[in-house]
Amino acid sequence: MSGFGLLGLLMLLIMFMLFLLNIASSVWAYRDARRLGKNNEYALLVLVGTIVFPVVGFIIYLVIRKD
């Protein structure tokens, strides 16, 4: 048993980087909602939505951001 191998290690690194990107974009969306003057509940909903649904949640937030 040789473990992951080079390809497995590369895939693990890519998954970790995508996870960090998800966290960073979720924090940005939360801070942006707070900066635009939205209430705490809305900002938390944005945070949870972008963490649970990374790509779709972020796109939806960008679309409804300026209502």
C-alpha atoms as a PDB file:
ATOM      1  CA  MET A   1       0.000   0.000   0.000  1.00  0.00           C
ATOM      2  CA  SER A   2       1.711   3.152  -1.177  1.00  0.00           C
ATOM      3  CA  GLY A   3      -0.767   5.753   0.064  1.00  0.00           C
ATOM      4  CA  PHE A   4      -2.042   8.581  -2.109  1.00  0.00           C
ATOM      5  CA  GLY A   5       0.680   8.929  -4.663  1.00  0.00           C
ATOM      6  CA  LEU A   6       1.448  12.110  -6.530  1.00  0.00           C
ATOM      7  CA  LEU A   7      -1.953  12.362  -8.228  1.00  0.00           C
ATOM      8  CA  GLY A   8      -3.782  11.850  -4.945  1.00  0.00           C
ATOM      9  CA  LEU A   9      -1.674  14.502  -3.257  1.00  0.00           C
ATOM     10  CA  LEU A  10      -2.372  16.925  -6.113  1.00  0.00           C
ATOM     11  CA  MET A  11      -6.117  16.287  -5.864  1.00  0.00           C
ATOM     12  CA  LEU A  12      -5.991  16.804  -2.106  1.00  0.00           C
ATOM     13  CA  LEU A  13      -4.184  20.120  -2.598  1.00  0.00           C
ATOM     14  CA  ILE A  14      -6.743  21.271  -5.185  1.00  0.00           C
ATOM     15  CA  MET A  15      -9.634  20.349  -2.888  1.00  0.00           C
ATOM     16  CA  PHE A  16      -8.007  22.233  -0.010  1.00  0.00           C
ATOM     17  CA  MET A  17      -7.511  25.323  -2.175  1.00  0.00           C
ATOM     18  CA  LEU A  18     -11.167  25.210  -3.299  1.00  0.00           C
ATOM     19  CA  PHE A  19     -12.224  24.915   0.344  1.00  0.00           C
ATOM     20  CA  LEU A  20     -10.167  28.005   1.234  1.00  0.00           C
ATOM     21  CA  LEU A  21     -11.642  29.873  -1.741  1.00  0.00           C
ATOM     22  CA  ASN A  22     -15.147  28.965  -0.547  1.00  0.00           C
ATOM     23  CA  ILE A  23     -14.432  30.249   2.962  1.00  0.00           C
ATOM     24  CA  ALA A  24     -12.847  33.468   1.654  1.00  0.00           C
ATOM     25  CA  SER A  25     -15.726  34.231  -0.732  1.00  0.00           C
ATOM     26  CA  SER A  26     -18.294  33.504   1.996  1.00  0.00           C
ATOM     27  CA  VAL A  27     -16.565  35.866   4.426  1.00  0.00           C
ATOM     28  CA  TRP A  28     -16.344  38.513   1.703  1.00  0.00           C
ATOM     29  CA  ALA A  29     -20.072  38.182   0.935  1.00  0.00           C
ATOM     30  CA  TYR A  30     -20.925  38.454   4.657  1.00  0.00           C
ATOM     31  CA  ARG A  31     -18.779  41.563   5.106  1.00  0.00           C
ATOM     32  CA  ASP A  32     -20.149  43.078   1.903  1.00  0.00           C
ATOM     33  CA  ALA A  33     -23.718  42.570   3.090  1.00  0.00           C
ATOM     34  CA  ARG A  34     -22.886  44.239   6.401  1.00  0.00           C
ATOM     35  CA  ARG A  35     -21.080  47.091   4.615  1.00  0.00           C
ATOM     36  CA  LEU A  36     -24.137  47.724   2.433  1.00  0.00           C
ATOM     37  CA  GLY A  37     -26.195  48.226   5.573  1.00  0.00           C
ATOM     38  CA  LYS A  38     -28.135  44.974   5.574  1.00  0.00           C
ATOM     39  CA  ASN A  39     -29.294  43.599   8.930  1.00  0.00           C
ATOM     40  CA  ASN A  40     -27.503  40.793  10.794  1.00  0.00           C
ATOM     41  CA  GLU A  41     -30.042  38.126   9.818  1.00  0.00           C
ATOM     42  CA  TYR A  42     -29.618  38.867   6.121  1.00  0.00           C
ATOM     43  CA  ALA A  43     -25.829  38.823   6.414  1.00  0.00           C
ATOM     44  CA  LEU A  44     -25.903  35.484   8.265  1.00  0.00           C
ATOM     45  CA  LEU A  45     -28.257  34.052   5.636  1.00  0.00           C
ATOM     46  CA  VAL A  46     -25.789  35.145   2.961  1.00  0.00           C
ATOM     47  CA  LEU A  47     -22.928  33.537   4.896  1.00  0.00           C
ATOM     48  CA  VAL A  48     -24.727  30.213   5.348  1.00  0.00           C
ATOM     49  CA  GLY A  49     -25.996  30.219   1.760  1.00  0.00           C
ATOM     50  CA  THR A  50     -22.555  30.786   0.285  1.00  0.00           C
ATOM     51  CA  ILE A  51     -20.945  28.155   2.527  1.00  0.00           C
ATOM     52  CA  VAL A  52     -23.556  25.464   1.840  1.00  0.00           C
ATOM     53  CA  PHE A  53     -23.984  26.249  -1.879  1.00  0.00           C
ATOM     54  CA  PRO A  54     -20.583  27.697  -2.843  1.00  0.00           C
ATOM     55  CA  VAL A  55     -20.896  28.596  -6.518  1.00  0.00           C
ATOM     56  CA  VAL A  56     -24.663  28.972  -6.820  1.00  0.00           C
ATOM     57  CA  GLY A  57     -24.994  30.884  -3.534  1.00  0.00           C
ATOM     58  CA  PHE A  58     -22.249  33.317  -4.491  1.00  0.00           C
ATOM     59  CA  ILE A  59     -23.771  33.961  -7.926  1.00  0.00           C
ATOM     60  CA  ILE A  60     -27.231  34.486  -6.418  1.00  0.00           C
ATOM     61  CA  TYR A  61     -25.794  36.918  -3.889  1.00  0.00           C
ATOM     62  CA  LEU A  62     -24.072  38.910  -6.628  1.00  0.00           C
ATOM     63  CA  VAL A  63     -27.339  39.094  -8.576  1.00  0.00           C
ATOM     64  CA  ILE A  64     -29.528  40.213  -5.642  1.00  0.00           C
ATOM     65  CA  ARG A  65     -26.840  42.331  -4.013  1.00  0.00           C
ATOM     66  CA  LYS A  66     -28.101  45.690  -5.279  1.00  0.00           C
ATOM     67  CA  ASP A  67     -31.837  45.374  -4.764  1.00  0.00           C
END
